[in-house]
Amino acid sequence: MGLTRLAVFRPLTILMIILGIVLMGAVSYTYLSVDRYPVIDYPIITVTMDYPEASAEDVEEEIATPIENAVSSVEGIQTITSTSSEGVAVVRIQLDEGADGDEAALDVERQLAAAARNFPTTATEPSVVKADPSSQPIMNIGLTGAPLDQLYNSAYWYIEP
């Protein structure tokens, strides 16, 4: 009953309270930021290294195992898993929760640079990638059904804008 009585006998007070709430909402709305993904630090680092024309066994022995040994001294590592296939080695490093992914990625790069003399000369430089969902594309589009120059023009002039 108190709020109803206040609204009937003091309508200007209720109007000012409502306007104050609306004004605070409008000011708060201007400070809201919109992002496709929230800021998340995935504790995963992936190291990829190509060794052309090598069997999976050679890739494991000459690439994956030295990478695992080199990065095992980095602080905050929970698990290291590797996949060796013909011509390429992929080493996945999972960090402990709360570990700084950026600093761990730099440490991994430093350790790999120090261990570079153990890699075969025909192997490419290792690629270190930290998992980041905001670097993923929003949409992938494939165009078919026309000559390439027409598809390029359609994509450039109509789809991209």
N, C-alpha and C. Protein backbone atom coordinates (compact mmCIF):
# COMPACT_ATOMS: atom_id res chain seq x y z
N MET A 1 0.82 -1.20 0.00
CA MET A 1 0.00 0.00 0.00
C MET A 1 0.86 1.26 0.00
N GLY A 2 2.06 1.21 0.59
CA GLY A 2 2.90 2.39 0.70
C GLY A 2 3.33 2.91 -0.66
N LEU A 3 3.66 2.00 -1.59
CA LEU A 3 4.10 2.42 -2.91
C LEU A 3 2.92 2.99 -3.71
N THR A 4 1.77 2.38 -3.58
CA THR A 4 0.59 2.86 -4.28
C THR A 4 0.21 4.24 -3.77
N ARG A 5 0.20 4.42 -2.45
CA ARG A 5 -0.14 5.72 -1.86
C ARG A 5 0.87 6.78 -2.29
N LEU A 6 2.17 6.41 -2.35
CA LEU A 6 3.20 7.35 -2.80
C LEU A 6 2.98 7.73 -4.26
N ALA A 7 2.61 6.77 -5.10
CA ALA A 7 2.38 7.04 -6.51
C ALA A 7 1.18 7.96 -6.73
N VAL A 8 0.16 7.82 -5.88
CA VAL A 8 -1.04 8.64 -6.04
C VAL A 8 -0.81 10.04 -5.51
N PHE A 9 -0.18 10.18 -4.35
CA PHE A 9 -0.03 11.49 -3.73
C PHE A 9 1.22 12.23 -4.20
N ARG A 10 2.21 11.54 -4.72
CA ARG A 10 3.44 12.20 -5.19
C ARG A 10 3.84 11.64 -6.57
N PRO A 11 3.09 11.96 -7.61
CA PRO A 11 3.39 11.42 -8.93
C PRO A 11 4.72 11.95 -9.50
N LEU A 12 5.09 13.16 -9.13
CA LEU A 12 6.35 13.72 -9.62
C LEU A 12 7.54 12.93 -9.06
N THR A 13 7.47 12.48 -7.85
CA THR A 13 8.55 11.66 -7.26
C THR A 13 8.69 10.34 -8.01
N ILE A 14 7.60 9.69 -8.29
CA ILE A 14 7.63 8.42 -9.03
C ILE A 14 8.16 8.65 -10.44
N LEU A 15 7.75 9.77 -11.07
CA LEU A 15 8.24 10.09 -12.41
C LEU A 15 9.76 10.29 -12.39
N MET A 16 10.27 10.98 -11.39
CA MET A 16 11.72 11.20 -11.30
C MET A 16 12.46 9.88 -11.05
N ILE A 17 11.91 9.00 -10.27
CA ILE A 17 12.55 7.69 -10.03
C ILE A 17 12.61 6.89 -11.32
N ILE A 18 11.51 6.88 -12.07
CA ILE A 18 11.47 6.14 -13.34
C ILE A 18 12.45 6.75 -14.34
N LEU A 19 12.48 8.08 -14.44
CA LEU A 19 13.43 8.74 -15.34
C LEU A 19 14.87 8.46 -14.93
N GLY A 20 15.14 8.42 -13.65
CA GLY A 20 16.49 8.09 -13.17
C GLY A 20 16.90 6.67 -13.56
N ILE A 21 15.97 5.74 -13.43
CA ILE A 21 16.27 4.34 -13.81
C ILE A 21 16.50 4.24 -15.32
N VAL A 22 15.68 4.91 -16.11
CA VAL A 22 15.85 4.89 -17.57
C VAL A 22 17.18 5.53 -17.96
N LEU A 23 17.53 6.65 -17.33
CA LEU A 23 18.80 7.32 -17.63
C LEU A 23 20.00 6.44 -17.26
N MET A 24 19.94 5.79 -16.10
CA MET A 24 21.04 4.88 -15.73
C MET A 24 21.14 3.72 -16.71
N GLY A 25 20.01 3.20 -17.18
CA GLY A 25 20.03 2.13 -18.17
C GLY A 25 20.63 2.58 -19.49
N ALA A 26 20.29 3.80 -19.93
CA ALA A 26 20.83 4.32 -21.19
C ALA A 26 22.34 4.53 -21.09
N VAL A 27 22.80 5.07 -19.98
CA VAL A 27 24.24 5.27 -19.80
C VAL A 27 24.95 3.93 -19.72
N SER A 28 24.40 2.98 -19.03
CA SER A 28 25.00 1.65 -18.93
C SER A 28 25.06 0.95 -20.27
N TYR A 29 24.04 1.16 -21.09
CA TYR A 29 24.01 0.52 -22.42
C TYR A 29 25.15 1.01 -23.30
N THR A 30 25.51 2.28 -23.17
CA THR A 30 26.60 2.81 -24.00
C THR A 30 27.95 2.22 -23.60
N TYR A 31 28.10 1.73 -22.39
CA TYR A 31 29.36 1.14 -21.94
C TYR A 31 29.46 -0.35 -22.22
N LEU A 32 28.40 -0.97 -22.71
CA LEU A 32 28.44 -2.39 -23.02
C LEU A 32 29.22 -2.62 -24.30
N SER A 33 30.13 -3.58 -24.28
CA SER A 33 30.84 -3.92 -25.50
C SER A 33 30.30 -5.25 -26.01
N VAL A 34 30.26 -5.37 -27.32
CA VAL A 34 29.76 -6.58 -27.94
C VAL A 34 30.94 -7.26 -28.62
N ASP A 35 31.14 -8.53 -28.29
CA ASP A 35 32.21 -9.30 -28.89
C ASP A 35 31.62 -10.63 -29.33
N ARG A 36 32.18 -11.14 -30.40
CA ARG A 36 31.67 -12.40 -30.92
C ARG A 36 31.87 -13.53 -29.91
N TYR A 37 33.01 -13.54 -29.27
CA TYR A 37 33.31 -14.53 -28.24
C TYR A 37 33.80 -13.80 -27.00
N PRO A 38 33.52 -14.31 -25.84
CA PRO A 38 34.11 -13.71 -24.63
C PRO A 38 35.60 -13.99 -24.60
N VAL A 39 36.31 -13.23 -23.80
CA VAL A 39 37.75 -13.41 -23.70
C VAL A 39 38.02 -14.71 -22.95
N ILE A 40 38.56 -15.68 -23.68
CA ILE A 40 38.86 -16.98 -23.10
C ILE A 40 40.30 -17.32 -23.44
N ASP A 41 41.04 -17.77 -22.47
CA ASP A 41 42.43 -18.16 -22.70
C ASP A 41 42.49 -19.68 -22.67
N TYR A 42 42.43 -20.30 -23.85
CA TYR A 42 42.52 -21.75 -23.92
C TYR A 42 43.94 -22.18 -23.60
N PRO A 43 44.12 -23.13 -22.71
CA PRO A 43 45.47 -23.54 -22.33
C PRO A 43 46.04 -24.60 -23.28
N ILE A 44 45.99 -24.35 -24.59
CA ILE A 44 46.48 -25.32 -25.56
C ILE A 44 47.40 -24.62 -26.55
N ILE A 45 48.56 -25.22 -26.78
CA ILE A 45 49.53 -24.74 -27.76
C ILE A 45 49.79 -25.88 -28.73
N THR A 46 49.81 -25.58 -30.01
CA THR A 46 50.05 -26.60 -31.03
C THR A 46 51.31 -26.25 -31.80
N VAL A 47 52.19 -27.23 -31.93
CA VAL A 47 53.43 -27.07 -32.70
C VAL A 47 53.32 -28.00 -33.91
N THR A 48 53.47 -27.43 -35.10
CA THR A 48 53.39 -28.20 -36.34
C THR A 48 54.71 -28.04 -37.09
N MET A 49 55.22 -29.16 -37.60
CA MET A 49 56.48 -29.11 -38.35
C MET A 49 56.41 -30.10 -39.50
N ASP A 50 56.75 -29.63 -40.69
CA ASP A 50 56.73 -30.47 -41.89
C ASP A 50 58.12 -31.07 -42.12
N TYR A 51 58.13 -32.32 -42.55
CA TYR A 51 59.35 -33.02 -42.93
C TYR A 51 59.02 -33.74 -44.24
N PRO A 52 59.20 -33.04 -45.38
CA PRO A 52 58.73 -33.59 -46.66
C PRO A 52 59.36 -34.94 -47.00
N GLU A 53 58.55 -35.78 -47.57
CA GLU A 53 58.95 -37.09 -48.08
C GLU A 53 59.56 -38.00 -47.01
N ALA A 54 59.05 -37.90 -45.80
CA ALA A 54 59.52 -38.76 -44.72
C ALA A 54 58.36 -39.65 -44.27
N SER A 55 58.71 -40.86 -43.87
CA SER A 55 57.68 -41.78 -43.38
C SER A 55 57.23 -41.34 -41.98
N ALA A 56 56.12 -41.89 -41.54
CA ALA A 56 55.60 -41.54 -40.22
C ALA A 56 56.58 -41.92 -39.12
N GLU A 57 57.26 -43.05 -39.28
CA GLU A 57 58.24 -43.48 -38.27
C GLU A 57 59.40 -42.50 -38.20
N ASP A 58 59.90 -42.04 -39.37
CA ASP A 58 61.00 -41.07 -39.38
C ASP A 58 60.56 -39.74 -38.79
N VAL A 59 59.34 -39.32 -39.10
CA VAL A 59 58.82 -38.07 -38.54
C VAL A 59 58.74 -38.16 -37.03
N GLU A 60 58.27 -39.29 -36.53
CA GLU A 60 58.18 -39.46 -35.08
C GLU A 60 59.55 -39.44 -34.44
N GLU A 61 60.49 -40.16 -35.02
CA GLU A 61 61.83 -40.29 -34.43
C GLU A 61 62.64 -39.00 -34.54
N GLU A 62 62.56 -38.32 -35.68
CA GLU A 62 63.45 -37.18 -35.91
C GLU A 62 62.80 -35.82 -35.65
N ILE A 63 61.48 -35.77 -35.58
CA ILE A 63 60.79 -34.49 -35.37
C ILE A 63 59.99 -34.47 -34.07
N ALA A 64 59.03 -35.39 -33.94
CA ALA A 64 58.10 -35.34 -32.81
C ALA A 64 58.80 -35.55 -31.47
N THR A 65 59.66 -36.57 -31.39
CA THR A 65 60.34 -36.85 -30.12
C THR A 65 61.27 -35.71 -29.71
N PRO A 66 62.10 -35.14 -30.61
CA PRO A 66 62.90 -33.98 -30.19
C PRO A 66 62.06 -32.77 -29.78
N ILE A 67 60.93 -32.55 -30.44
CA ILE A 67 60.06 -31.44 -30.03
C ILE A 67 59.52 -31.70 -28.62
N GLU A 68 59.05 -32.92 -28.37
CA GLU A 68 58.53 -33.26 -27.04
C GLU A 68 59.61 -33.07 -25.98
N ASN A 69 60.82 -33.53 -26.27
CA ASN A 69 61.91 -33.39 -25.30
C ASN A 69 62.27 -31.93 -25.07
N ALA A 70 62.22 -31.12 -26.12
CA ALA A 70 62.59 -29.71 -26.00
C ALA A 70 61.58 -28.93 -25.17
N VAL A 71 60.29 -29.18 -25.40
CA VAL A 71 59.28 -28.39 -24.71
C VAL A 71 58.89 -28.95 -23.34
N SER A 72 59.37 -30.10 -23.00
CA SER A 72 58.98 -30.71 -21.72
C SER A 72 59.47 -29.91 -20.52
N SER A 73 60.49 -29.04 -20.71
CA SER A 73 61.00 -28.26 -19.60
C SER A 73 60.23 -26.95 -19.39
N VAL A 74 59.28 -26.65 -20.27
CA VAL A 74 58.48 -25.43 -20.12
C VAL A 74 57.57 -25.58 -18.90
N GLU A 75 57.50 -24.52 -18.12
CA GLU A 75 56.74 -24.57 -16.87
C GLU A 75 55.24 -24.51 -17.13
N GLY A 76 54.46 -25.29 -16.41
CA GLY A 76 53.01 -25.26 -16.47
C GLY A 76 52.40 -26.24 -17.45
N ILE A 77 53.17 -27.19 -17.95
CA ILE A 77 52.63 -28.16 -18.90
C ILE A 77 51.94 -29.29 -18.16
N GLN A 78 50.72 -29.61 -18.59
CA GLN A 78 49.99 -30.73 -18.01
C GLN A 78 50.22 -31.99 -18.82
N THR A 79 49.98 -31.94 -20.14
CA THR A 79 50.20 -33.11 -20.99
C THR A 79 50.79 -32.67 -22.33
N ILE A 80 51.54 -33.58 -22.93
CA ILE A 80 52.08 -33.39 -24.28
C ILE A 80 51.68 -34.60 -25.09
N THR A 81 50.99 -34.37 -26.21
CA THR A 81 50.62 -35.47 -27.11
C THR A 81 51.10 -35.11 -28.50
N SER A 82 51.49 -36.13 -29.26
CA SER A 82 51.96 -35.86 -30.61
C SER A 82 51.32 -36.83 -31.58
N THR A 83 51.18 -36.35 -32.81
CA THR A 83 50.66 -37.17 -33.89
C THR A 83 51.64 -37.06 -35.05
N SER A 84 52.15 -38.19 -35.48
CA SER A 84 53.10 -38.21 -36.59
C SER A 84 52.45 -38.92 -37.76
N SER A 85 52.45 -38.26 -38.88
CA SER A 85 51.96 -38.87 -40.10
C SER A 85 52.99 -38.62 -41.18
N GLU A 86 52.72 -39.08 -42.36
CA GLU A 86 53.70 -38.99 -43.43
C GLU A 86 53.97 -37.52 -43.77
N GLY A 87 55.15 -37.06 -43.45
CA GLY A 87 55.58 -35.72 -43.81
C GLY A 87 55.26 -34.61 -42.82
N VAL A 88 54.54 -34.89 -41.74
CA VAL A 88 54.18 -33.83 -40.81
C VAL A 88 54.06 -34.37 -39.39
N ALA A 89 54.49 -33.54 -38.44
CA ALA A 89 54.35 -33.87 -37.02
C ALA A 89 53.56 -32.75 -36.35
N VAL A 90 52.59 -33.14 -35.53
CA VAL A 90 51.78 -32.18 -34.79
C VAL A 90 51.90 -32.54 -33.31
N VAL A 91 52.41 -31.58 -32.53
CA VAL A 91 52.57 -31.79 -31.08
C VAL A 91 51.61 -30.84 -30.38
N ARG A 92 50.74 -31.40 -29.54
CA ARG A 92 49.73 -30.62 -28.81
C ARG A 92 50.15 -30.55 -27.36
N ILE A 93 50.27 -29.34 -26.85
CA ILE A 93 50.72 -29.11 -25.47
C ILE A 93 49.55 -28.52 -24.70
N GLN A 94 49.11 -29.22 -23.68
CA GLN A 94 48.03 -28.71 -22.83
C GLN A 94 48.64 -28.19 -21.54
N LEU A 95 48.28 -26.98 -21.19
CA LEU A 95 48.83 -26.32 -20.01
C LEU A 95 47.92 -26.52 -18.81
N ASP A 96 48.47 -26.31 -17.63
CA ASP A 96 47.67 -26.34 -16.41
C ASP A 96 46.69 -25.18 -16.41
N GLU A 97 45.58 -25.35 -15.70
CA GLU A 97 44.61 -24.26 -15.57
C GLU A 97 45.28 -23.09 -14.87
N GLY A 98 45.03 -21.90 -15.37
CA GLY A 98 45.61 -20.70 -14.78
C GLY A 98 46.98 -20.34 -15.32
N ALA A 99 47.58 -21.20 -16.14
CA ALA A 99 48.89 -20.89 -16.72
C ALA A 99 48.71 -19.82 -17.80
N ASP A 100 49.70 -18.95 -17.93
CA ASP A 100 49.66 -17.89 -18.94
C ASP A 100 50.02 -18.48 -20.29
N GLY A 101 49.04 -18.55 -21.20
CA GLY A 101 49.24 -19.17 -22.50
C GLY A 101 50.20 -18.41 -23.38
N ASP A 102 50.18 -17.07 -23.31
CA ASP A 102 51.08 -16.27 -24.14
C ASP A 102 52.53 -16.48 -23.73
N GLU A 103 52.78 -16.47 -22.45
CA GLU A 103 54.15 -16.67 -21.97
C GLU A 103 54.62 -18.10 -22.24
N ALA A 104 53.74 -19.06 -22.10
CA ALA A 104 54.10 -20.45 -22.39
C ALA A 104 54.41 -20.62 -23.87
N ALA A 105 53.66 -19.95 -24.76
CA ALA A 105 53.94 -20.03 -26.19
C ALA A 105 55.30 -19.44 -26.51
N LEU A 106 55.66 -18.34 -25.85
CA LEU A 106 56.99 -17.77 -26.05
C LEU A 106 58.07 -18.71 -25.55
N ASP A 107 57.84 -19.35 -24.40
CA ASP A 107 58.82 -20.31 -23.88
C ASP A 107 58.98 -21.49 -24.82
N VAL A 108 57.88 -21.96 -25.40
CA VAL A 108 57.94 -23.07 -26.35
C VAL A 108 58.76 -22.66 -27.56
N GLU A 109 58.54 -21.44 -28.08
CA GLU A 109 59.31 -20.97 -29.23
C GLU A 109 60.79 -20.88 -28.90
N ARG A 110 61.12 -20.41 -27.70
CA ARG A 110 62.53 -20.34 -27.29
C ARG A 110 63.16 -21.72 -27.20
N GLN A 111 62.45 -22.66 -26.63
CA GLN A 111 62.99 -24.02 -26.51
C GLN A 111 63.17 -24.66 -27.88
N LEU A 112 62.25 -24.41 -28.79
CA LEU A 112 62.37 -24.96 -30.14
C LEU A 112 63.52 -24.32 -30.90
N ALA A 113 63.75 -23.04 -30.69
CA ALA A 113 64.87 -22.37 -31.34
C ALA A 113 66.20 -22.93 -30.83
N ALA A 114 66.24 -23.25 -29.53
CA ALA A 114 67.47 -23.83 -28.97
C ALA A 114 67.69 -25.25 -29.47
N ALA A 115 66.61 -25.98 -29.75
CA ALA A 115 66.72 -27.37 -30.18
C ALA A 115 66.74 -27.51 -31.70
N ALA A 116 66.81 -26.40 -32.43
CA ALA A 116 66.71 -26.44 -33.90
C ALA A 116 67.85 -27.23 -34.53
N ARG A 117 69.00 -27.32 -33.88
CA ARG A 117 70.12 -28.06 -34.47
C ARG A 117 69.86 -29.57 -34.49
N ASN A 118 68.92 -30.05 -33.69
CA ASN A 118 68.60 -31.48 -33.65
C ASN A 118 67.64 -31.91 -34.76
N PHE A 119 67.04 -30.94 -35.45
CA PHE A 119 66.08 -31.26 -36.50
C PHE A 119 66.79 -31.49 -37.82
N PRO A 120 66.22 -32.31 -38.70
CA PRO A 120 66.82 -32.51 -40.02
C PRO A 120 66.84 -31.21 -40.83
N THR A 121 67.80 -31.10 -41.73
CA THR A 121 67.94 -29.86 -42.50
C THR A 121 66.82 -29.68 -43.52
N THR A 122 66.20 -30.77 -43.96
CA THR A 122 65.11 -30.65 -44.94
C THR A 122 63.76 -30.33 -44.29
N ALA A 123 63.70 -30.34 -42.99
CA ALA A 123 62.45 -30.04 -42.28
C ALA A 123 62.22 -28.53 -42.27
N THR A 124 60.95 -28.13 -42.27
CA THR A 124 60.62 -26.71 -42.22
C THR A 124 60.73 -26.20 -40.79
N GLU A 125 60.61 -24.90 -40.65
CA GLU A 125 60.62 -24.30 -39.32
C GLU A 125 59.36 -24.70 -38.57
N PRO A 126 59.47 -24.94 -37.27
CA PRO A 126 58.25 -25.29 -36.51
C PRO A 126 57.31 -24.10 -36.39
N SER A 127 56.02 -24.40 -36.47
CA SER A 127 54.99 -23.38 -36.35
C SER A 127 54.31 -23.55 -35.00
N VAL A 128 54.36 -22.51 -34.17
CA VAL A 128 53.77 -22.54 -32.83
C VAL A 128 52.50 -21.71 -32.86
N VAL A 129 51.36 -22.33 -32.53
CA VAL A 129 50.07 -21.65 -32.56
C VAL A 129 49.38 -21.84 -31.22
N LYS A 130 48.95 -20.73 -30.63
CA LYS A 130 48.18 -20.77 -29.39
C LYS A 130 46.71 -20.75 -29.75
N ALA A 131 45.91 -21.59 -29.12
CA ALA A 131 44.47 -21.67 -29.43
C ALA A 131 43.80 -20.34 -29.10
N ASP A 132 43.08 -19.79 -30.09
CA ASP A 132 42.40 -18.51 -29.91
C ASP A 132 41.10 -18.53 -30.72
N PRO A 133 39.95 -18.60 -30.04
CA PRO A 133 38.69 -18.69 -30.79
C PRO A 133 38.35 -17.44 -31.58
N SER A 134 38.85 -16.28 -31.19
CA SER A 134 38.51 -15.06 -31.93
C SER A 134 39.27 -14.95 -33.24
N SER A 135 40.26 -15.80 -33.47
CA SER A 135 40.99 -15.76 -34.74
C SER A 135 40.34 -16.66 -35.79
N GLN A 136 39.29 -17.35 -35.43
CA GLN A 136 38.60 -18.21 -36.37
C GLN A 136 37.67 -17.36 -37.25
N PRO A 137 37.50 -17.74 -38.51
CA PRO A 137 36.60 -16.97 -39.38
C PRO A 137 35.15 -17.14 -38.94
N ILE A 138 34.35 -16.13 -39.22
CA ILE A 138 32.93 -16.19 -38.90
C ILE A 138 32.21 -17.12 -39.85
N MET A 139 32.63 -17.09 -41.15
CA MET A 139 31.93 -17.87 -42.15
C MET A 139 32.92 -18.26 -43.24
N ASN A 140 32.80 -19.48 -43.74
CA ASN A 140 33.56 -19.94 -44.89
C ASN A 140 32.58 -20.16 -46.03
N ILE A 141 32.89 -19.59 -47.18
CA ILE A 141 32.01 -19.70 -48.34
C ILE A 141 32.80 -20.30 -49.48
N GLY A 142 32.22 -21.28 -50.15
CA GLY A 142 32.82 -21.87 -51.34
C GLY A 142 31.95 -21.59 -52.55
N LEU A 143 32.57 -21.13 -53.63
CA LEU A 143 31.84 -20.81 -54.84
C LEU A 143 32.21 -21.80 -55.94
N THR A 144 31.23 -22.30 -56.66
CA THR A 144 31.44 -23.20 -57.78
C THR A 144 30.44 -22.87 -58.87
N GLY A 145 30.66 -23.48 -60.04
CA GLY A 145 29.65 -23.39 -61.09
C GLY A 145 29.90 -22.35 -62.14
N ALA A 146 31.07 -21.71 -62.14
CA ALA A 146 31.38 -20.71 -63.16
C ALA A 146 32.90 -20.66 -63.32
N PRO A 147 33.40 -20.00 -64.35
CA PRO A 147 34.86 -19.84 -64.48
C PRO A 147 35.43 -19.06 -63.30
N LEU A 148 36.71 -19.27 -63.01
CA LEU A 148 37.32 -18.68 -61.82
C LEU A 148 37.29 -17.16 -61.83
N ASP A 149 37.47 -16.52 -62.99
CA ASP A 149 37.46 -15.06 -63.01
C ASP A 149 36.07 -14.50 -62.67
N GLN A 150 35.02 -15.18 -63.10
CA GLN A 150 33.67 -14.74 -62.75
C GLN A 150 33.39 -14.96 -61.26
N LEU A 151 33.86 -16.09 -60.74
CA LEU A 151 33.67 -16.36 -59.31
C LEU A 151 34.43 -15.33 -58.47
N TYR A 152 35.65 -14.99 -58.91
CA TYR A 152 36.43 -13.99 -58.17
C TYR A 152 35.72 -12.64 -58.18
N ASN A 153 35.23 -12.23 -59.35
CA ASN A 153 34.53 -10.94 -59.43
C ASN A 153 33.27 -10.94 -58.58
N SER A 154 32.53 -12.04 -58.61
CA SER A 154 31.31 -12.12 -57.79
C SER A 154 31.64 -12.03 -56.31
N ALA A 155 32.68 -12.76 -55.90
CA ALA A 155 33.08 -12.73 -54.49
C ALA A 155 33.58 -11.35 -54.09
N TYR A 156 34.38 -10.73 -54.95
CA TYR A 156 34.98 -9.44 -54.62
C TYR A 156 33.95 -8.32 -54.58
N TRP A 157 33.05 -8.27 -55.58
CA TRP A 157 32.14 -7.14 -55.70
C TRP A 157 30.82 -7.33 -54.96
N TYR A 158 30.37 -8.57 -54.76
CA TYR A 158 29.04 -8.76 -54.17
C TYR A 158 29.05 -9.41 -52.80
N ILE A 159 29.86 -10.46 -52.63
CA ILE A 159 29.81 -11.18 -51.36
C ILE A 159 30.63 -10.48 -50.28
N GLU A 160 31.85 -10.04 -50.61
CA GLU A 160 32.71 -9.42 -49.60
C GLU A 160 32.10 -8.18 -48.96
N PRO A 161 31.52 -7.25 -49.75
CA PRO A 161 30.92 -6.08 -49.07
C PRO A 161 29.75 -6.46 -48.18
